[in-house]
C-alpha atoms as a PDB file:
ATOM      1  CA  MET A   1      18.436  23.443 -10.450  1.00  0.00           C
ATOM      2  CA  ARG A   2      17.745  27.115 -11.052  1.00  0.00           C
ATOM      3  CA  THR A   3      19.389  27.955  -7.765  1.00  0.00           C
ATOM      4  CA  ALA A   4      22.500  25.942  -8.643  1.00  0.00           C
ATOM      5  CA  PHE A   5      22.844  27.681 -12.003  1.00  0.00           C
ATOM      6  CA  ALA A   6      22.174  31.064 -10.393  1.00  0.00           C
ATOM      7  CA  LEU A   7      24.984  30.507  -7.889  1.00  0.00           C
ATOM      8  CA  SER A   8      27.645  29.266 -10.285  1.00  0.00           C
ATOM      9  CA  GLN A   9      28.485  28.707 -13.920  1.00  0.00           C
ATOM     10  CA  ASP A  10      31.438  26.463 -13.066  1.00  0.00           C
ATOM     11  CA  PRO A  11      30.681  22.924 -14.316  1.00  0.00           C
ATOM     12  CA  ALA A  12      32.585  21.303 -11.438  1.00  0.00           C
ATOM     13  CA  VAL A  13      30.616  23.236  -8.813  1.00  0.00           C
ATOM     14  CA  LEU A  14      27.330  22.525 -10.610  1.00  0.00           C
ATOM     15  CA  ARG A  15      28.206  18.828 -10.832  1.00  0.00           C
ATOM     16  CA  GLN A  16      28.862  18.726  -7.067  1.00  0.00           C
ATOM     17  CA  ALA A  17      25.690  20.622  -6.245  1.00  0.00           C
ATOM     18  CA  LEU A  18      23.535  18.445  -8.487  1.00  0.00           C
ATOM     19  CA  ALA A  19      25.185  15.260  -7.159  1.00  0.00           C
ATOM     20  CA  ALA A  20      24.437  16.359  -3.589  1.00  0.00           C
ATOM     21  CA  GLY A  21      20.827  17.070  -4.543  1.00  0.00           C
ATOM     22  CA  LEU A  22      20.546  13.709  -6.273  1.00  0.00           C
ATOM     23  CA  GLU A  23      21.935  11.909  -3.212  1.00  0.00           C
ATOM     24  CA  SER A  24      19.494  13.747  -0.981  1.00  0.00           C
ATOM     25  CA  VAL A  25      16.470  12.897  -3.129  1.00  0.00           C
ATOM     26  CA  ALA A  26      17.601   9.287  -3.596  1.00  0.00           C
ATOM     27  CA  GLY A  27      18.133   8.908   0.152  1.00  0.00           C
ATOM     28  CA  PHE A  28      14.677  10.305   0.848  1.00  0.00           C
ATOM     29  CA  VAL A  29      13.049   7.933  -1.648  1.00  0.00           C
ATOM     30  CA  GLU A  30      14.957   4.927  -0.289  1.00  0.00           C
ATOM     31  CA  ASP A  31      14.004   5.830   3.283  1.00  0.00           C
ATOM     32  CA  MET A  32      10.344   6.239   2.337  1.00  0.00           C
ATOM     33  CA  VAL A  33      10.246   2.921   0.460  1.00  0.00           C
ATOM     34  CA  ALA A  34      11.892   1.182   3.435  1.00  0.00           C
ATOM     35  CA  ALA A  35       9.396   2.789   5.836  1.00  0.00           C
ATOM     36  CA  LEU A  36       6.449   1.770   3.662  1.00  0.00           C
ATOM     37  CA  ALA A  37       7.778  -1.787   3.342  1.00  0.00           C
ATOM     38  CA  GLY A  38       8.146  -1.961   7.119  1.00  0.00           C
ATOM     39  CA  GLN A  39       4.610  -0.675   7.624  1.00  0.00           C
ATOM     40  CA  LEU A  40       3.265  -3.264   5.180  1.00  0.00           C
ATOM     41  CA  ARG A  41       5.137  -6.045   7.009  1.00  0.00           C
ATOM     42  CA  ARG A  42       3.720  -4.883  10.364  1.00  0.00           C
ATOM     43  CA  GLU A  43       0.178  -4.660   9.010  1.00  0.00           C
ATOM     44  CA  ARG A  44       0.407  -8.083   7.368  1.00  0.00           C
ATOM     45  CA  ALA A  45       1.703  -9.591  10.617  1.00  0.00           C
ATOM     46  CA  GLU A  46      -1.084  -7.899  12.575  1.00  0.00           C
ATOM     47  CA  LEU A  47      -3.673  -9.122  10.103  1.00  0.00           C
ATOM     48  CA  ALA A  48      -2.299 -12.660  10.318  1.00  0.00           C
ATOM     49  CA  ARG A  49      -2.588 -12.565  14.130  1.00  0.00           C
ATOM     50  CA  SER A  50      -6.042 -10.983  14.078  1.00  0.00           C
ATOM     51  CA  SER A  51      -9.143 -13.023  14.703  1.00  0.00           C
ATOM     52  CA  HIS A  52     -10.622 -11.133  11.765  1.00  0.00           C
ATOM     53  CA  ALA A  53      -7.983 -12.348   9.332  1.00  0.00           C
ATOM     54  CA  PRO A  54      -9.465 -13.666   6.096  1.00  0.00           C
ATOM     55  CA  VAL A  55      -9.644 -17.427   5.919  1.00  0.00           C
ATOM     56  CA  ARG A  56      -7.832 -18.884   2.963  1.00  0.00           C
ATOM     57  CA  GLY A  57      -9.547 -21.481   0.828  1.00  0.00           C
ATOM     58  CA  GLY A  58     -13.157 -22.162  -0.018  1.00  0.00           C
ATOM     59  CA  GLN A  59     -14.417 -23.332   3.361  1.00  0.00           C
ATOM     60  CA  ALA A  60     -15.097 -19.790   4.592  1.00  0.00           C
ATOM     61  CA  HIS A  61     -17.150 -19.071   1.483  1.00  0.00           C
ATOM     62  CA  LEU A  62     -19.126 -22.277   1.967  1.00  0.00           C
ATOM     63  CA  ASP A  63     -19.746 -21.441   5.614  1.00  0.00           C
ATOM     64  CA  LEU A  64     -21.068 -18.011   4.645  1.00  0.00           C
ATOM     65  CA  LEU A  65     -23.177 -19.472   1.860  1.00  0.00           C
ATOM     66  CA  PHE A  66     -24.864 -22.068   4.049  1.00  0.00           C
ATOM     67  CA  ALA A  67     -25.307 -19.668   6.976  1.00  0.00           C
ATOM     68  CA  ALA A  68     -27.265 -17.232   4.787  1.00  0.00           C
ATOM     69  CA  PRO A  69     -31.067 -17.403   4.594  1.00  0.00           C
ATOM     70  CA  PRO A  70     -32.438 -19.291   1.559  1.00  0.00           C
ATOM     71  CA  THR A  71     -33.439 -16.096  -0.258  1.00  0.00           C
ATOM     72  CA  ALA A  72     -29.869 -14.811  -0.043  1.00  0.00           C
ATOM     73  CA  ARG A  73     -28.495 -18.084  -1.412  1.00  0.00           C
ATOM     74  CA  THR A  74     -30.786 -18.147  -4.441  1.00  0.00           C
ATOM     75  CA  GLY A  75     -30.648 -14.446  -5.114  1.00  0.00           C
ATOM     76  CA  SER A  76     -34.438 -14.179  -5.040  1.00  0.00           C
ATOM     77  CA  ARG A  77     -36.060 -11.234  -3.330  1.00  0.00           C
ATOM     78  CA  SER A  78     -38.916 -11.193  -0.974  1.00  0.00           C
ATOM     79  CA  PRO A  79     -42.054  -9.465  -2.272  1.00  0.00           C
ATOM     80  CA  ARG A  80     -41.583  -6.638   0.241  1.00  0.00           C
ATOM     81  CA  SER A  81     -38.149  -5.664  -1.105  1.00  0.00           C
ATOM     82  CA  HIS A  82     -39.495  -4.486  -4.482  1.00  0.00           C
END
Protein backbone atom coordinates (compact mmCIF):
# COMPACT_ATOMS: atom_id res chain seq x y z
CA MET A 1 0.00 0.00 0.00
CA ARG A 2 2.84 2.38 0.79
CA THR A 3 4.28 1.78 -2.64
CA ALA A 4 0.95 2.52 -4.33
CA PHE A 5 0.56 5.79 -2.44
CA ALA A 6 4.19 6.69 -3.12
CA LEU A 7 3.69 6.22 -6.86
CA SER A 8 0.44 8.14 -7.23
CA GLN A 9 -2.06 10.33 -5.45
CA ASP A 10 -4.69 9.83 -8.15
CA PRO A 11 -7.64 7.92 -6.64
CA ALA A 12 -8.39 6.11 -9.91
CA VAL A 13 -4.81 4.84 -10.22
CA LEU A 14 -4.73 3.84 -6.55
CA ARG A 15 -8.05 2.02 -6.93
CA GLN A 16 -6.67 0.05 -9.90
CA ALA A 17 -3.42 -0.76 -8.12
CA LEU A 18 -5.18 -1.89 -4.95
CA ALA A 19 -7.73 -3.91 -6.95
CA ALA A 20 -4.89 -5.68 -8.78
CA GLY A 21 -3.19 -6.42 -5.46
CA LEU A 22 -6.44 -7.70 -3.99
CA GLU A 23 -7.01 -9.99 -6.99
CA SER A 24 -3.48 -11.31 -6.69
CA VAL A 25 -3.78 -12.06 -2.97
CA ALA A 26 -7.27 -13.56 -3.39
CA GLY A 27 -6.05 -15.75 -6.24
CA PHE A 28 -3.12 -16.95 -4.15
CA VAL A 29 -5.37 -17.80 -1.20
CA GLU A 30 -7.88 -19.60 -3.42
CA ASP A 31 -5.11 -21.60 -5.09
CA MET A 32 -3.61 -22.56 -1.73
CA VAL A 33 -6.98 -23.63 -0.31
CA ALA A 34 -7.65 -25.70 -3.44
CA ALA A 35 -4.19 -27.31 -3.20
CA LEU A 36 -4.68 -28.11 0.48
CA ALA A 37 -8.14 -29.56 -0.18
CA GLY A 38 -6.67 -31.73 -2.94
CA GLN A 39 -3.88 -32.92 -0.66
CA LEU A 40 -6.40 -33.80 2.05
CA ARG A 41 -8.51 -35.76 -0.46
CA ARG A 42 -5.43 -37.68 -1.65
CA GLU A 43 -4.32 -38.46 1.90
CA ARG A 44 -7.80 -39.58 2.93
CA ALA A 45 -8.02 -41.84 -0.14
CA GLU A 46 -4.57 -43.27 0.61
CA LEU A 47 -5.51 -43.86 4.23
CA ALA A 48 -8.73 -45.59 3.18
CA ARG A 49 -6.75 -47.92 0.88
CA SER A 50 -4.03 -48.56 3.45
CA SER A 51 -3.92 -51.75 5.44
CA HIS A 52 -3.18 -49.52 8.42
CA ALA A 53 -6.42 -47.58 8.09
CA PRO A 54 -8.28 -47.24 11.38
CA VAL A 55 -11.16 -49.64 11.76
CA ARG A 56 -14.45 -47.94 12.40
CA GLY A 57 -16.67 -49.19 15.19
CA GLY A 58 -15.98 -50.89 18.48
CA GLN A 59 -14.75 -54.25 17.25
CA ALA A 60 -11.16 -53.03 16.82
CA HIS A 61 -11.15 -51.73 20.39
CA LEU A 62 -12.49 -55.04 21.67
CA ASP A 63 -9.88 -56.96 19.70
CA LEU A 64 -7.12 -54.83 21.21
CA LEU A 65 -8.60 -55.15 24.68
CA PHE A 66 -8.81 -58.94 24.60
CA ALA A 67 -5.42 -59.34 22.92
CA ALA A 68 -3.70 -57.43 25.74
CA PRO A 69 -2.23 -59.28 28.73
CA PRO A 70 -4.48 -59.37 31.83
CA THR A 71 -2.44 -56.73 33.67
CA ALA A 72 -2.94 -54.29 30.80
CA ARG A 73 -6.70 -54.92 30.78
CA THR A 74 -7.14 -54.29 34.50
CA GLY A 75 -4.68 -51.44 34.71
CA SER A 76 -2.76 -53.16 37.50
CA ARG A 77 1.01 -53.07 37.49
CA SER A 78 3.41 -55.83 38.08
CA PRO A 79 5.53 -55.48 41.23
CA ARG A 80 8.65 -54.92 39.12
CA SER A 81 7.24 -51.82 37.40
CA HIS A 82 7.17 -49.73 40.59
